[in-house]
Amino acid sequence: MSERSSAREVALRALVACERQGAWSDGFLKKETGRAGLDGRDAALATRLCFGVLQNRMLLDFWLGGLSKVPLPKMEPAVRGALRLGAYQILFLDRVPDHAAVDEAVEQARHHSRNPRSTGLVNGVLRSMIRQKETLPQPPDASVRYSHPQWLVEEFSCRLPPEEVELLLAADNGEPPTYIQTNTCKVETPALIERLRQEGMTVTPHPWLPDCLLLEGTGNLEQSEAFRQGLFYVQDAAAKLAVLAADPRPGMDILDACAAPGGKSFAAAIAMGGKGSVTSCDIHPHKMELIQAGAHRLGLECISAQLLDGKTCKDDFLDRFDLVIADVPCSGLGIIRKKPDIRYKDPKPLEGLPNVQRAILENVSRYVRPGGALLYATCTLLERENEAVVNSFLEKHNCFTPEEFQAPGPFADDAIGGMVTCWPHRHGTDGFYFAKLRRRS
């Protein structure tokens, strides 16, 4: 089997694991591309194929269902996955010859299916698609056209005007950019740009956020010498913006209450020039190691990791911190382009998230010293997890008030109320919400 075939095989295994086991595609792909020994180019191909199918799954099924005599739900998962992979390459990838896409899909069906007729089914359906691909019918609604379940389209429609909903859905299906943040405790941004370009990467400074860079042609970033030396860390502009809005300063005592994998702790520590204290907490023990390893790589000795349940009071934290960051567990519906399979998860468990978020915010607010600041953040776009949680908290706690902050051009008007929502289609960032609150002295 060729390397490129191995990339397609990894993509198929990821799709089947997502469907049958509820695996997360990004984590599964990272593990399997390493296990298969794929180089950077083929690991990128496996990811592009898997993400491309997930981003367009409902649309692909709409077309495949019209060409197949066997309903897709009755097919074996691997056969269904092979069909989707073949269809995605035929319809969305210009560099893959149609016949190669068909041959690979047929070979995958032969290898994975117990039914000898599966190869003929896959071959026939995909060849019909090739013949008809210029005249395939268009789906009747945006839900199928952009492969977002109807409940999700309705949620976004409650927040955006109709003309913007499709822009957001299209942005969700875009290729996620790779943004990094300069570790200015070790290097200045112009010098880092030169280092990265010498390593063969394409580097573009972010249009409105200082010390933030867009990378292309990265391969495996963890193999970068600049990464190993701790000159940067990976973080979206929206998350970095939230920390900067909280205004960490040298000498502060800061708590990051739901810290893993540590990006906001790193941002705060760097903003302080490494002078102060950042206590990074999480409920999962194995994530403590991630935070500690990241802080060590970046040379941020002011960060210490602790195990902590954000809903449970820790007495020696009461009234202690100059700044408390609460990036709470959420539905993650602002990062669909990074985790395309989020859209297919059962929405029922999401209904209980606001109660968890309120409990964490209620608890960690007690850790803010009089006169200190509290930053609430999520990577979702649902009002019930964002503004509703913060407004409910403010109604019960008149000792906290929203605080305006300076923000770059796109957010200047939004920051007036102390709350900002970052939209992928408007700002080019992850979908993200944050609110800065100040405790009265």
Protein backbone atom coordinates (compact mmCIF):
# COMPACT_ATOMS: atom_id res chain seq x y z
CA MET A 1 0.00 0.00 0.00
CA SER A 2 1.43 3.43 -1.00
CA GLU A 3 1.93 6.26 1.47
CA ARG A 4 -0.97 8.19 -0.02
CA SER A 5 -3.12 5.08 0.28
CA SER A 6 -2.06 4.89 3.92
CA ALA A 7 -3.24 8.48 4.37
CA ARG A 8 -6.65 7.51 2.99
CA GLU A 9 -6.70 4.44 5.22
CA VAL A 10 -6.02 6.57 8.31
CA ALA A 11 -8.81 8.94 7.24
CA LEU A 12 -11.22 6.02 6.87
CA ARG A 13 -10.31 4.60 10.28
CA ALA A 14 -10.89 8.03 11.82
CA LEU A 15 -14.31 8.37 10.21
CA VAL A 16 -15.37 4.91 11.38
CA ALA A 17 -14.07 5.60 14.92
CA CYS A 18 -16.02 8.89 15.06
CA GLU A 19 -19.21 7.15 13.96
CA ARG A 20 -19.01 3.93 15.94
CA GLN A 21 -17.08 4.88 19.06
CA GLY A 22 -17.77 8.60 19.40
CA ALA A 23 -14.05 9.33 18.99
CA TRP A 24 -12.91 12.91 18.39
CA SER A 25 -11.43 13.18 14.91
CA ASP A 26 -8.55 15.53 15.80
CA GLY A 27 -7.26 13.38 18.66
CA PHE A 28 -7.71 10.13 16.74
CA LEU A 29 -5.89 11.51 13.70
CA LYS A 30 -2.96 12.75 15.74
CA LYS A 31 -2.51 9.32 17.27
CA GLU A 32 -3.07 7.31 14.09
CA THR A 33 -0.90 9.40 11.76
CA GLY A 34 1.98 8.84 14.18
CA ARG A 35 1.25 5.14 14.46
CA ALA A 36 1.12 4.80 10.65
CA GLY A 37 4.44 6.65 10.31
CA LEU A 38 3.02 9.23 7.89
CA ASP A 39 5.26 12.13 6.94
CA GLY A 40 3.99 15.71 7.18
CA ARG A 41 2.49 15.79 3.70
CA ASP A 42 0.53 12.56 4.09
CA ALA A 43 -0.55 13.36 7.64
CA ALA A 44 -1.97 16.61 6.24
CA LEU A 45 -3.75 14.65 3.50
CA ALA A 46 -5.31 12.26 6.01
CA THR A 47 -6.54 15.22 8.07
CA ARG A 48 -7.87 17.08 5.02
CA LEU A 49 -9.78 14.00 3.84
CA CYS A 50 -11.29 13.24 7.25
CA PHE A 51 -12.19 16.86 8.03
CA GLY A 52 -13.51 17.39 4.50
CA VAL A 53 -15.91 14.46 4.81
CA LEU A 54 -17.07 15.57 8.26
CA GLN A 55 -17.57 19.16 7.11
CA ASN A 56 -19.71 17.99 4.18
CA ARG A 57 -21.17 14.71 5.45
CA MET A 58 -24.85 15.63 5.22
CA LEU A 59 -24.35 17.08 1.74
CA LEU A 60 -22.40 14.02 0.56
CA ASP A 61 -25.07 11.72 1.96
CA PHE A 62 -27.75 13.74 0.17
CA TRP A 63 -26.05 13.09 -3.16
CA LEU A 64 -24.93 9.53 -2.43
CA GLY A 65 -28.42 8.62 -1.24
CA GLY A 66 -29.82 9.68 -4.59
CA LEU A 67 -27.39 7.43 -6.47
CA SER A 68 -27.41 4.28 -4.34
CA LYS A 69 -30.11 1.61 -4.33
CA VAL A 70 -28.92 0.56 -0.88
CA PRO A 71 -29.76 3.18 1.81
CA LEU A 72 -26.63 4.53 3.48
CA PRO A 73 -27.83 3.64 7.03
CA LYS A 74 -27.95 -0.04 6.01
CA MET A 75 -24.33 -0.11 4.83
CA GLU A 76 -21.40 -1.21 6.97
CA PRO A 77 -19.68 1.85 8.52
CA ALA A 78 -16.46 1.26 6.59
CA VAL A 79 -18.32 0.99 3.27
CA ARG A 80 -20.26 4.15 4.05
CA GLY A 81 -16.99 5.86 4.98
CA ALA A 82 -15.26 4.69 1.78
CA LEU A 83 -18.14 6.08 -0.29
CA ARG A 84 -17.99 9.41 1.49
CA LEU A 85 -14.23 9.64 1.04
CA GLY A 86 -14.51 8.82 -2.65
CA ALA A 87 -17.33 11.31 -3.17
CA TYR A 88 -15.48 14.08 -1.31
CA GLN A 89 -12.40 13.63 -3.50
CA ILE A 90 -14.47 13.57 -6.70
CA LEU A 91 -16.49 16.65 -5.85
CA PHE A 92 -14.16 18.83 -3.76
CA LEU A 93 -10.51 18.00 -4.55
CA ASP A 94 -9.10 19.06 -7.91
CA ARG A 95 -5.73 17.34 -7.53
CA VAL A 96 -7.13 13.84 -7.12
CA PRO A 97 -8.06 12.14 -10.43
CA ASP A 98 -11.60 10.77 -10.36
CA HIS A 99 -10.51 7.27 -11.32
CA ALA A 100 -7.95 7.21 -8.47
CA ALA A 101 -10.63 8.19 -5.96
CA VAL A 102 -12.88 5.38 -7.23
CA ASP A 103 -10.10 2.78 -7.22
CA GLU A 104 -9.07 3.63 -3.66
CA ALA A 105 -12.65 3.53 -2.38
CA VAL A 106 -13.26 0.15 -4.06
CA GLU A 107 -10.06 -1.22 -2.53
CA GLN A 108 -11.12 0.02 0.92
CA ALA A 109 -14.51 -1.67 0.54
CA ARG A 110 -12.82 -4.91 -0.54
CA HIS A 111 -10.49 -4.79 2.47
CA HIS A 112 -13.02 -3.85 5.15
CA SER A 113 -16.37 -5.29 4.07
CA ARG A 114 -17.67 -8.78 4.74
CA ASN A 115 -20.11 -8.46 1.86
CA PRO A 116 -18.55 -9.34 -1.53
CA ARG A 117 -21.08 -7.11 -3.27
CA SER A 118 -19.76 -3.98 -1.53
CA THR A 119 -17.02 -3.40 -4.10
CA GLY A 120 -19.54 -3.37 -6.94
CA LEU A 121 -21.81 -1.04 -4.99
CA VAL A 122 -19.02 1.45 -4.29
CA ASN A 123 -17.72 1.27 -7.85
CA GLY A 124 -21.18 1.78 -9.38
CA VAL A 125 -22.26 4.64 -7.13
CA LEU A 126 -19.04 6.63 -7.52
CA ARG A 127 -18.89 6.16 -11.29
CA SER A 128 -22.48 7.40 -11.50
CA MET A 129 -21.43 10.41 -9.43
CA ILE A 130 -18.61 11.18 -11.86
CA ARG A 131 -21.01 11.08 -14.81
CA GLN A 132 -23.56 13.30 -13.06
CA LYS A 133 -21.36 15.61 -10.98
CA GLU A 134 -22.16 18.68 -13.11
CA THR A 135 -25.91 18.14 -12.75
CA LEU A 136 -26.28 16.94 -9.14
CA PRO A 137 -29.37 18.47 -7.49
CA GLN A 138 -28.91 21.27 -4.98
CA PRO A 139 -30.17 20.65 -1.44
CA PRO A 140 -33.33 22.50 -0.47
CA ASP A 141 -32.00 24.09 2.73
CA ALA A 142 -28.88 25.50 4.37
CA SER A 143 -28.78 22.68 6.92
CA VAL A 144 -27.94 20.08 4.26
CA ARG A 145 -26.03 22.48 2.03
CA TYR A 146 -23.54 23.25 4.81
CA SER A 147 -23.91 19.96 6.73
CA HIS A 148 -25.11 21.50 9.99
CA PRO A 149 -27.97 19.72 11.79
CA GLN A 150 -31.18 21.75 11.75
CA TRP A 151 -31.11 22.39 15.51
CA LEU A 152 -27.73 24.08 15.13
CA VAL A 153 -28.87 26.24 12.21
CA GLU A 154 -31.83 27.33 14.35
CA GLU A 155 -29.54 28.20 17.26
CA PHE A 156 -27.38 30.41 15.06
CA SER A 157 -30.46 31.94 13.44
CA CYS A 158 -31.56 33.17 16.87
CA ARG A 159 -28.34 35.19 17.12
CA LEU A 160 -27.65 36.39 13.59
CA PRO A 161 -29.59 38.02 10.75
CA PRO A 162 -30.45 35.58 7.94
CA GLU A 163 -27.78 36.87 5.57
CA GLU A 164 -25.08 36.17 8.17
CA VAL A 165 -26.16 32.65 9.12
CA GLU A 166 -24.89 31.14 5.87
CA LEU A 167 -21.65 33.10 6.19
CA LEU A 168 -21.08 31.52 9.60
CA LEU A 169 -21.96 28.03 8.33
CA ALA A 170 -19.53 28.48 5.43
CA ALA A 171 -16.81 29.69 7.81
CA ASP A 172 -17.34 26.58 9.96
CA ASN A 173 -16.51 24.50 6.88
CA GLY A 174 -13.31 26.39 6.12
CA GLU A 175 -9.81 25.09 6.78
CA PRO A 176 -8.79 26.11 10.31
CA PRO A 177 -5.85 28.54 10.34
CA THR A 178 -2.81 27.96 12.55
CA TYR A 179 -2.13 30.98 14.75
CA ILE A 180 0.77 31.19 17.17
CA GLN A 181 1.71 33.68 19.88
CA THR A 182 5.24 34.93 20.39
CA ASN A 183 6.87 34.16 23.73
CA THR A 184 8.18 37.69 24.19
CA CYS A 185 9.97 36.58 27.34
CA LYS A 186 12.42 34.82 25.00
CA VAL A 187 12.28 36.48 21.59
CA GLU A 188 10.91 39.50 19.76
CA THR A 189 8.36 38.88 17.01
CA PRO A 190 10.51 40.08 14.04
CA ALA A 191 13.27 37.67 15.06
CA LEU A 192 10.76 34.82 15.45
CA ILE A 193 9.34 35.53 11.98
CA GLU A 194 12.83 35.22 10.50
CA ARG A 195 13.48 31.96 12.38
CA LEU A 196 10.23 30.40 11.18
CA ARG A 197 10.83 31.45 7.59
CA GLN A 198 14.26 29.85 7.74
CA GLU A 199 12.48 26.64 8.77
CA GLY A 200 10.45 26.84 5.55
CA MET A 201 7.17 28.18 6.93
CA THR A 202 5.06 30.95 5.42
CA VAL A 203 4.52 33.56 8.15
CA THR A 204 1.99 36.42 8.12
CA PRO A 205 1.56 38.85 11.04
CA HIS A 206 -1.99 39.02 12.35
CA PRO A 207 -3.82 42.11 11.04
CA TRP A 208 -4.90 43.49 14.42
CA LEU A 209 -3.35 41.49 17.27
CA PRO A 210 0.30 42.17 18.14
CA ASP A 211 2.76 39.26 18.49
CA CYS A 212 0.31 36.91 16.78
CA LEU A 213 1.35 35.10 13.58
CA LEU A 214 -0.46 33.03 10.96
CA LEU A 215 1.57 30.01 9.86
CA GLU A 216 1.25 27.95 6.69
CA GLY A 217 3.31 25.01 5.52
CA THR A 218 4.10 24.02 9.08
CA GLY A 219 4.17 20.23 8.94
CA ASN A 220 4.32 18.90 12.50
CA LEU A 221 4.88 22.04 14.56
CA GLU A 222 6.22 20.06 17.49
CA GLN A 223 9.22 19.15 15.31
CA SER A 224 10.03 22.83 14.78
CA GLU A 225 13.26 23.92 16.47
CA ALA A 226 11.68 27.25 17.38
CA PHE A 227 8.82 25.38 19.06
CA ARG A 228 11.22 23.13 20.97
CA GLN A 229 13.09 26.19 22.20
CA GLY A 230 9.86 27.64 23.56
CA LEU A 231 9.78 30.70 21.30
CA PHE A 232 6.03 30.43 20.70
CA TYR A 233 2.88 28.53 21.58
CA VAL A 234 -0.25 27.78 19.54
CA GLN A 235 -3.31 29.87 20.41
CA ASP A 236 -6.12 31.52 18.46
CA ALA A 237 -6.32 35.30 18.37
CA ALA A 238 -9.66 35.32 20.21
CA ALA A 239 -8.31 33.52 23.28
CA LYS A 240 -5.25 35.76 23.41
CA LEU A 241 -7.47 38.84 23.05
CA ALA A 242 -9.53 37.74 26.04
CA VAL A 243 -6.44 37.50 28.26
CA LEU A 244 -5.14 40.89 27.09
CA ALA A 245 -8.54 42.42 27.88
CA ALA A 246 -8.14 41.15 31.45
CA ASP A 247 -4.92 43.22 31.60
CA PRO A 248 -2.40 41.00 33.43
CA ARG A 249 0.45 43.10 34.85
CA PRO A 250 3.85 42.29 36.38
CA GLY A 251 3.60 41.21 40.01
CA MET A 252 -0.02 40.05 39.86
CA ASP A 253 -1.28 36.90 41.54
CA ILE A 254 -3.46 35.18 38.91
CA LEU A 255 -5.67 32.08 38.98
CA ASP A 256 -6.56 30.23 35.78
CA ALA A 257 -9.37 28.09 37.18
CA CYS A 258 -10.04 25.80 34.16
CA ALA A 259 -6.63 26.03 32.58
CA ALA A 260 -5.86 22.96 30.45
CA PRO A 261 -4.09 22.83 28.07
CA GLY A 262 -2.68 26.08 29.45
CA GLY A 263 -2.86 28.67 26.67
CA LYS A 264 -4.41 31.43 28.76
CA SER A 265 -1.98 30.78 31.61
CA PHE A 266 0.89 31.12 29.13
CA ALA A 267 -0.60 34.33 27.70
CA ALA A 268 -1.02 35.85 31.17
CA ALA A 269 2.48 34.88 32.30
CA ILE A 270 4.05 36.33 29.14
CA ALA A 271 2.00 39.54 29.44
CA MET A 272 3.43 39.89 32.98
CA GLY A 273 6.95 39.36 31.67
CA GLY A 274 7.20 36.28 33.85
CA LYS A 275 7.04 38.48 36.96
CA GLY A 276 4.22 37.40 39.23
CA SER A 277 2.38 34.17 39.90
CA VAL A 278 -0.02 32.13 37.77
CA THR A 279 -1.81 29.21 39.43
CA SER A 280 -3.13 26.93 36.66
CA CYS A 281 -5.84 24.51 37.75
CA ASP A 282 -7.85 21.75 36.15
CA ILE A 283 -10.03 18.88 37.32
CA HIS A 284 -8.17 16.20 35.30
CA PRO A 285 -4.84 14.96 36.72
CA HIS A 286 -3.31 14.05 33.34
CA LYS A 287 -3.85 17.61 32.13
CA MET A 288 -1.61 18.92 34.89
CA GLU A 289 1.29 17.30 33.05
CA LEU A 290 0.34 19.10 29.83
CA ILE A 291 0.35 22.48 31.57
CA GLN A 292 3.62 21.83 33.37
CA ALA A 293 5.32 20.58 30.20
CA GLY A 294 4.15 23.64 28.27
CA ALA A 295 5.28 26.06 30.96
CA HIS A 296 8.68 24.33 31.15
CA ARG A 297 9.15 24.48 27.37
CA LEU A 298 8.31 28.20 27.37
CA GLY A 299 10.54 28.88 30.39
CA LEU A 300 7.63 30.33 32.42
CA GLU A 301 8.68 29.51 35.96
CA CYS A 302 5.93 31.68 37.44
CA ILE A 303 3.31 29.07 36.47
CA SER A 304 2.39 26.30 38.92
CA ALA A 305 -0.22 23.62 38.20
CA GLN A 306 -2.74 22.37 40.75
CA LEU A 307 -5.59 19.88 40.69
CA LEU A 308 -8.84 21.69 41.38
CA ASP A 309 -12.56 21.26 40.79
CA GLY A 310 -13.84 24.68 39.76
CA LYS A 311 -17.17 24.02 41.50
CA THR A 312 -15.61 23.19 44.89
CA CYS A 313 -14.45 25.96 47.21
CA LYS A 314 -10.78 26.05 48.22
CA ASP A 315 -10.61 28.10 51.42
CA ASP A 316 -7.04 29.35 51.03
CA PHE A 317 -7.96 30.84 47.63
CA LEU A 318 -10.69 33.11 49.05
CA ASP A 319 -10.20 36.86 48.33
CA ARG A 320 -6.65 36.14 47.16
CA PHE A 321 -6.18 36.75 43.43
CA ASP A 322 -5.76 39.97 41.46
CA LEU A 323 -7.25 38.23 38.42
CA VAL A 324 -9.28 35.04 38.08
CA ILE A 325 -9.76 33.50 34.62
CA ALA A 326 -12.72 31.13 34.22
CA ASP A 327 -12.65 29.58 30.73
CA VAL A 328 -15.46 27.20 31.60
CA PRO A 329 -16.50 23.87 30.02
CA CYS A 330 -18.87 24.60 27.14
CA SER A 331 -20.51 23.15 24.04
CA GLY A 332 -17.54 24.17 21.86
CA LEU A 333 -19.80 25.37 19.04
CA GLY A 334 -17.44 28.23 18.24
CA ILE A 335 -14.63 25.90 17.15
CA ILE A 336 -16.51 23.70 14.67
CA ARG A 337 -13.90 24.33 11.99
CA LYS A 338 -11.26 22.82 14.31
CA LYS A 339 -13.52 20.02 15.56
CA PRO A 340 -15.95 19.40 12.68
CA ASP A 341 -17.54 16.39 14.36
CA ILE A 342 -18.90 18.56 17.21
CA ARG A 343 -21.90 19.37 15.06
CA TYR A 344 -23.02 15.72 15.00
CA LYS A 345 -22.90 15.16 18.76
CA ASP A 346 -26.16 14.68 20.64
CA PRO A 347 -27.35 18.17 21.74
CA LYS A 348 -29.30 16.84 24.73
CA PRO A 349 -26.33 16.77 27.16
CA LEU A 350 -25.57 20.40 26.29
CA GLU A 351 -28.71 21.55 28.07
CA GLY A 352 -27.10 21.08 31.49
CA LEU A 353 -23.96 23.10 30.70
CA PRO A 354 -25.27 26.50 31.88
CA ASN A 355 -25.82 25.05 35.37
CA VAL A 356 -22.21 23.86 35.45
CA GLN A 357 -20.97 27.21 34.15
CA ARG A 358 -22.97 29.17 36.71
CA ALA A 359 -21.68 26.95 39.51
CA ILE A 360 -18.05 27.47 38.47
CA LEU A 361 -18.47 31.23 38.02
CA GLU A 362 -20.24 31.50 41.38
CA ASN A 363 -17.47 29.60 43.14
CA VAL A 364 -14.35 31.12 41.57
CA SER A 365 -15.72 34.66 41.95
CA ARG A 366 -15.01 34.27 45.66
CA TYR A 367 -11.31 33.95 44.87
CA VAL A 368 -11.13 37.50 43.47
CA ARG A 369 -9.71 40.01 45.93
CA PRO A 370 -11.61 43.29 46.45
CA GLY A 371 -10.70 45.50 43.51
CA GLY A 372 -9.60 42.51 41.42
CA ALA A 373 -10.88 41.30 38.05
CA LEU A 374 -12.80 38.23 36.88
CA LEU A 375 -12.69 36.99 33.27
CA TYR A 376 -15.44 34.63 32.12
CA ALA A 377 -14.86 32.92 28.76
CA THR A 378 -16.21 30.18 26.50
CA CYS A 379 -15.53 28.90 22.99
CA THR A 380 -19.22 28.71 22.12
CA LEU A 381 -21.69 31.08 20.44
CA LEU A 382 -24.84 30.18 22.36
CA GLU A 383 -26.37 33.00 24.38
CA ARG A 384 -27.52 30.67 27.17
CA GLU A 385 -23.88 29.73 27.88
CA ASN A 386 -22.55 33.26 27.48
CA GLU A 387 -24.50 36.46 28.16
CA ALA A 388 -27.24 34.63 30.06
CA VAL A 389 -24.76 33.10 32.51
CA VAL A 390 -22.93 36.39 33.10
CA ASN A 391 -26.10 38.47 33.44
CA SER A 392 -27.57 35.96 35.88
CA PHE A 393 -24.38 36.18 37.95
CA LEU A 394 -24.41 39.99 37.93
CA GLU A 395 -28.03 40.09 39.11
CA LYS A 396 -27.05 38.14 42.22
CA HIS A 397 -23.70 39.81 42.88
CA ASN A 398 -23.85 43.59 42.87
CA CYS A 399 -20.26 43.71 44.09
CA PHE A 400 -19.21 42.83 40.52
CA THR A 401 -19.73 45.12 37.53
CA PRO A 402 -18.82 44.79 33.83
CA GLU A 403 -15.67 46.73 33.00
CA GLU A 404 -14.92 48.33 29.67
CA PHE A 405 -11.51 47.64 28.17
CA GLN A 406 -9.43 48.69 25.22
CA ALA A 407 -9.81 46.38 22.22
CA PRO A 408 -8.46 46.42 18.66
CA GLY A 409 -10.37 47.91 15.73
CA PRO A 410 -12.95 45.19 15.01
CA PHE A 411 -14.08 45.08 18.64
CA ALA A 412 -13.89 48.73 19.68
CA ASP A 413 -17.67 49.17 19.90
CA ASP A 414 -18.31 45.72 21.39
CA ALA A 415 -15.94 46.25 24.32
CA ILE A 416 -17.99 49.17 25.65
CA GLY A 417 -20.20 46.84 27.70
CA GLY A 418 -17.31 44.75 28.97
CA MET A 419 -18.40 41.76 26.86
CA VAL A 420 -17.23 40.59 23.43
CA THR A 421 -18.33 37.84 21.04
CA CYS A 422 -15.82 36.86 18.38
CA TRP A 423 -17.41 35.45 15.19
CA PRO A 424 -15.48 33.32 12.69
CA HIS A 425 -17.17 34.91 9.66
CA ARG A 426 -16.75 38.47 10.94
CA HIS A 427 -13.38 38.44 12.61
CA GLY A 428 -11.55 35.39 11.24
CA THR A 429 -11.13 34.01 14.76
CA ASP A 430 -12.57 31.07 16.62
CA GLY A 431 -16.10 31.60 17.85
CA PHE A 432 -15.44 32.92 21.35
CA TYR A 433 -17.10 34.92 24.11
CA PHE A 434 -15.61 36.71 27.10
CA ALA A 435 -16.70 39.18 29.75
CA LYS A 436 -14.51 41.21 32.06
CA LEU A 437 -15.97 41.91 35.51
CA ARG A 438 -14.50 44.02 38.30
CA ARG A 439 -15.06 43.39 41.99
CA ARG A 440 -15.69 46.58 43.91
CA SER A 441 -13.05 47.54 46.45
